[in-house]
Amino acid sequence: MLKIHAEGAPKALGPYASAIRTGNLLFCSGQTGINPKTDRLESSDVKGQTRQVMTNLKAVLASQGLSVHAIVKCNVYLSSMDNFHEMNEVYGEMLEGHEPARTTVAVSGLPLNALVEIECIAEYED
């Protein structure tokens, strides 16, 4: 098992790694819309936060030589299902035509009162 602390992604808000590699799988920790340059949520709308979330996930993947096309599963956590369509629009754009498996749920709260958090599992090519 390899712990990864990715450059270009926000620092963890607690005792966890950006991702863990085990075998040919990369388990990426959930990302919120924190800008890694400022350590703050820079957007107050779900579209802006989703764009930053996906940018953060791309940084974690890129640190391991992977792209969004390596993602096999995403879990999306929304503070409100009222934001589903706007999140979904940006999420689709940021996946560049790739369509991994996904679960989307509403939760009662997210760190820093974020509107969206996304985690993913990616696979390394043999």
C-alpha atoms as a PDB file:
ATOM      1  CA  MET A   1       0.000   0.000   0.000  1.00  0.00           C
ATOM      2  CA  LEU A   2       1.367   3.412  -0.998  1.00  0.00           C
ATOM      3  CA  LYS A   3       0.193   6.708   0.574  1.00  0.00           C
ATOM      4  CA  ILE A   4       0.079   9.651  -1.833  1.00  0.00           C
ATOM      5  CA  HIS A   5       0.174  13.328  -0.920  1.00  0.00           C
ATOM      6  CA  ALA A   6      -0.340  14.968  -4.306  1.00  0.00           C
ATOM      7  CA  GLU A   7       1.242  18.255  -5.285  1.00  0.00           C
ATOM      8  CA  GLY A   8      -1.307  20.577  -6.876  1.00  0.00           C
ATOM      9  CA  ALA A   9      -4.170  19.304  -4.734  1.00  0.00           C
ATOM     10  CA  PRO A  10      -5.329  20.826  -1.442  1.00  0.00           C
ATOM     11  CA  LYS A  11      -3.649  19.624   1.725  1.00  0.00           C
ATOM     12  CA  ALA A  12      -5.720  17.140   3.706  1.00  0.00           C
ATOM     13  CA  LEU A  13      -7.974  18.655   6.369  1.00  0.00           C
ATOM     14  CA  GLY A  14      -7.209  15.722   8.669  1.00  0.00           C
ATOM     15  CA  PRO A  15      -5.078  12.611   9.125  1.00  0.00           C
ATOM     16  CA  TYR A  16      -5.511  11.111   5.648  1.00  0.00           C
ATOM     17  CA  ALA A  17      -3.690  10.934   2.321  1.00  0.00           C
ATOM     18  CA  SER A  18      -4.744  12.415  -1.030  1.00  0.00           C
ATOM     19  CA  ALA A  19      -4.947   8.836  -2.269  1.00  0.00           C
ATOM     20  CA  ILE A  20      -3.862   5.287  -1.526  1.00  0.00           C
ATOM     21  CA  ARG A  21      -2.544   2.887  -4.138  1.00  0.00           C
ATOM     22  CA  THR A  22      -3.110  -0.790  -3.559  1.00  0.00           C
ATOM     23  CA  GLY A  23      -2.460  -3.242  -6.369  1.00  0.00           C
ATOM     24  CA  ASN A  24      -3.658  -1.696  -9.614  1.00  0.00           C
ATOM     25  CA  LEU A  25      -6.216   0.578  -7.924  1.00  0.00           C
ATOM     26  CA  LEU A  26      -5.932   4.177  -6.752  1.00  0.00           C
ATOM     27  CA  PHE A  27      -8.452   5.237  -4.083  1.00  0.00           C
ATOM     28  CA  CYS A  28      -8.691   9.040  -4.165  1.00  0.00           C
ATOM     29  CA  SER A  29      -9.933  10.771  -1.027  1.00  0.00           C
ATOM     30  CA  GLY A  30     -12.910  13.070  -1.348  1.00  0.00           C
ATOM     31  CA  GLN A  31     -12.165  16.517  -2.715  1.00  0.00           C
ATOM     32  CA  THR A  32     -14.121  19.686  -2.061  1.00  0.00           C
ATOM     33  CA  GLY A  33     -13.869  22.934  -3.991  1.00  0.00           C
ATOM     34  CA  ILE A  34     -10.837  24.168  -2.056  1.00  0.00           C
ATOM     35  CA  ASN A  35      -8.356  26.076  -4.178  1.00  0.00           C
ATOM     36  CA  PRO A  36      -4.936  24.606  -3.265  1.00  0.00           C
ATOM     37  CA  LYS A  37      -3.267  28.009  -3.779  1.00  0.00           C
ATOM     38  CA  THR A  38      -5.421  29.740  -1.155  1.00  0.00           C
ATOM     39  CA  ASP A  39      -6.717  26.806   0.951  1.00  0.00           C
ATOM     40  CA  ARG A  40     -10.207  28.326   0.663  1.00  0.00           C
ATOM     41  CA  LEU A  41     -13.490  27.623  -1.086  1.00  0.00           C
ATOM     42  CA  GLU A  42     -13.297  30.306  -3.756  1.00  0.00           C
ATOM     43  CA  SER A  43     -16.731  29.762  -5.274  1.00  0.00           C
ATOM     44  CA  SER A  44     -20.091  30.012  -3.573  1.00  0.00           C
ATOM     45  CA  ASP A  45     -22.006  28.165  -6.321  1.00  0.00           C
ATOM     46  CA  VAL A  46     -22.082  24.446  -7.076  1.00  0.00           C
ATOM     47  CA  LYS A  47     -20.804  24.843 -10.652  1.00  0.00           C
ATOM     48  CA  GLY A  48     -17.654  26.640  -9.518  1.00  0.00           C
ATOM     49  CA  GLN A  49     -17.098  24.229  -6.644  1.00  0.00           C
ATOM     50  CA  THR A  50     -17.615  21.180  -8.885  1.00  0.00           C
ATOM     51  CA  ARG A  51     -15.103  22.560 -11.391  1.00  0.00           C
ATOM     52  CA  GLN A  52     -12.525  22.999  -8.592  1.00  0.00           C
ATOM     53  CA  VAL A  53     -13.320  19.546  -7.145  1.00  0.00           C
ATOM     54  CA  MET A  54     -12.662  17.921 -10.513  1.00  0.00           C
ATOM     55  CA  THR A  55      -9.511  20.009 -11.010  1.00  0.00           C
ATOM     56  CA  ASN A  56      -8.297  18.768  -7.612  1.00  0.00           C
ATOM     57  CA  LEU A  57      -9.075  15.146  -8.505  1.00  0.00           C
ATOM     58  CA  LYS A  58      -7.270  15.583 -11.826  1.00  0.00           C
ATOM     59  CA  ALA A  59      -4.201  16.821  -9.902  1.00  0.00           C
ATOM     60  CA  VAL A  60      -4.250  13.723  -7.687  1.00  0.00           C
ATOM     61  CA  LEU A  61      -4.621  11.450 -10.718  1.00  0.00           C
ATOM     62  CA  ALA A  62      -1.918  13.305 -12.673  1.00  0.00           C
ATOM     63  CA  SER A  63       0.499  12.939  -9.753  1.00  0.00           C
ATOM     64  CA  GLN A  64       0.285   9.197 -10.447  1.00  0.00           C
ATOM     65  CA  GLY A  65       0.436   9.437 -14.242  1.00  0.00           C
ATOM     66  CA  LEU A  66      -3.314   8.938 -14.659  1.00  0.00           C
ATOM     67  CA  SER A  67      -6.121  10.933 -16.257  1.00  0.00           C
ATOM     68  CA  VAL A  68      -9.871  11.016 -15.719  1.00  0.00           C
ATOM     69  CA  HIS A  69     -10.122   8.173 -18.242  1.00  0.00           C
ATOM     70  CA  ALA A  70      -8.660   5.843 -15.583  1.00  0.00           C
ATOM     71  CA  ILE A  71     -11.593   6.489 -13.208  1.00  0.00           C
ATOM     72  CA  VAL A  72     -13.815   3.440 -12.720  1.00  0.00           C
ATOM     73  CA  LYS A  73     -16.119   4.763  -9.952  1.00  0.00           C
ATOM     74  CA  CYS A  74     -17.051   8.102  -8.388  1.00  0.00           C
ATOM     75  CA  ASN A  75     -19.066   8.898  -5.290  1.00  0.00           C
ATOM     76  CA  VAL A  76     -20.637  12.352  -5.286  1.00  0.00           C
ATOM     77  CA  TYR A  77     -21.898  13.977  -2.089  1.00  0.00           C
ATOM     78  CA  LEU A  78     -24.174  17.001  -2.403  1.00  0.00           C
ATOM     79  CA  SER A  79     -25.369  19.273   0.384  1.00  0.00           C
ATOM     80  CA  SER A  80     -28.679  19.489  -1.517  1.00  0.00           C
ATOM     81  CA  MET A  81     -30.176  17.517  -4.400  1.00  0.00           C
ATOM     82  CA  ASP A  82     -31.371  20.897  -5.696  1.00  0.00           C
ATOM     83  CA  ASN A  83     -27.785  21.233  -6.999  1.00  0.00           C
ATOM     84  CA  PHE A  84     -27.810  17.916  -8.890  1.00  0.00           C
ATOM     85  CA  HIS A  85     -28.305  19.245 -12.437  1.00  0.00           C
ATOM     86  CA  GLU A  86     -25.695  22.005 -12.169  1.00  0.00           C
ATOM     87  CA  MET A  87     -23.143  19.623 -10.606  1.00  0.00           C
ATOM     88  CA  ASN A  88     -23.915  16.998 -13.253  1.00  0.00           C
ATOM     89  CA  GLU A  89     -23.343  19.463 -16.104  1.00  0.00           C
ATOM     90  CA  VAL A  90     -19.849  20.458 -14.926  1.00  0.00           C
ATOM     91  CA  TYR A  91     -18.985  16.898 -13.835  1.00  0.00           C
ATOM     92  CA  GLY A  92     -19.737  15.632 -17.353  1.00  0.00           C
ATOM     93  CA  GLU A  93     -17.646  18.372 -18.984  1.00  0.00           C
ATOM     94  CA  MET A  94     -14.678  17.689 -16.706  1.00  0.00           C
ATOM     95  CA  LEU A  95     -14.751  13.941 -17.468  1.00  0.00           C
ATOM     96  CA  GLU A  96     -14.048  14.672 -21.140  1.00  0.00           C
ATOM     97  CA  GLY A  97     -16.579  12.149 -22.447  1.00  0.00           C
ATOM     98  CA  HIS A  98     -15.606   9.397 -19.992  1.00  0.00           C
ATOM     99  CA  GLU A  99     -18.516   7.800 -18.103  1.00  0.00           C
ATOM    100  CA  PRO A 100     -17.426   5.866 -14.990  1.00  0.00           C
ATOM    101  CA  ALA A 101     -19.870   4.236 -12.588  1.00  0.00           C
ATOM    102  CA  ARG A 102     -21.250   6.738 -10.071  1.00  0.00           C
ATOM    103  CA  THR A 103     -23.313   7.135  -6.946  1.00  0.00           C
ATOM    104  CA  THR A 104     -24.769  10.517  -5.929  1.00  0.00           C
ATOM    105  CA  VAL A 105     -26.265  11.158  -2.505  1.00  0.00           C
ATOM    106  CA  ALA A 106     -27.376  14.158  -0.471  1.00  0.00           C
ATOM    107  CA  VAL A 107     -25.703  14.601   2.905  1.00  0.00           C
ATOM    108  CA  SER A 108     -26.490  16.822   5.871  1.00  0.00           C
ATOM    109  CA  GLY A 109     -23.173  18.650   5.740  1.00  0.00           C
ATOM    110  CA  LEU A 110     -19.712  18.783   4.166  1.00  0.00           C
ATOM    111  CA  PRO A 111     -16.388  20.207   5.399  1.00  0.00           C
ATOM    112  CA  LEU A 112     -16.230  24.020   5.282  1.00  0.00           C
ATOM    113  CA  ASN A 113     -19.926  24.049   4.311  1.00  0.00           C
ATOM    114  CA  ALA A 114     -18.977  22.926   0.808  1.00  0.00           C
ATOM    115  CA  LEU A 115     -21.810  22.235  -1.635  1.00  0.00           C
ATOM    116  CA  VAL A 116     -20.187  19.172  -3.231  1.00  0.00           C
ATOM    117  CA  GLU A 117     -17.524  16.562  -2.489  1.00  0.00           C
ATOM    118  CA  ILE A 118     -16.372  13.867  -4.914  1.00  0.00           C
ATOM    119  CA  GLU A 119     -14.145  10.826  -4.396  1.00  0.00           C
ATOM    120  CA  CYS A 120     -13.071   8.307  -6.981  1.00  0.00           C
ATOM    121  CA  ILE A 121     -11.390   4.999  -7.638  1.00  0.00           C
ATOM    122  CA  ALA A 122      -9.078   4.749 -10.634  1.00  0.00           C
ATOM    123  CA  GLU A 123      -7.311   1.810 -12.230  1.00  0.00           C
ATOM    124  CA  TYR A 124      -3.748   1.577 -13.489  1.00  0.00           C
ATOM    125  CA  GLU A 125      -3.234  -0.108 -16.859  1.00  0.00           C
ATOM    126  CA  ASP A 126      -1.408  -3.426 -16.673  1.00  0.00           C
END
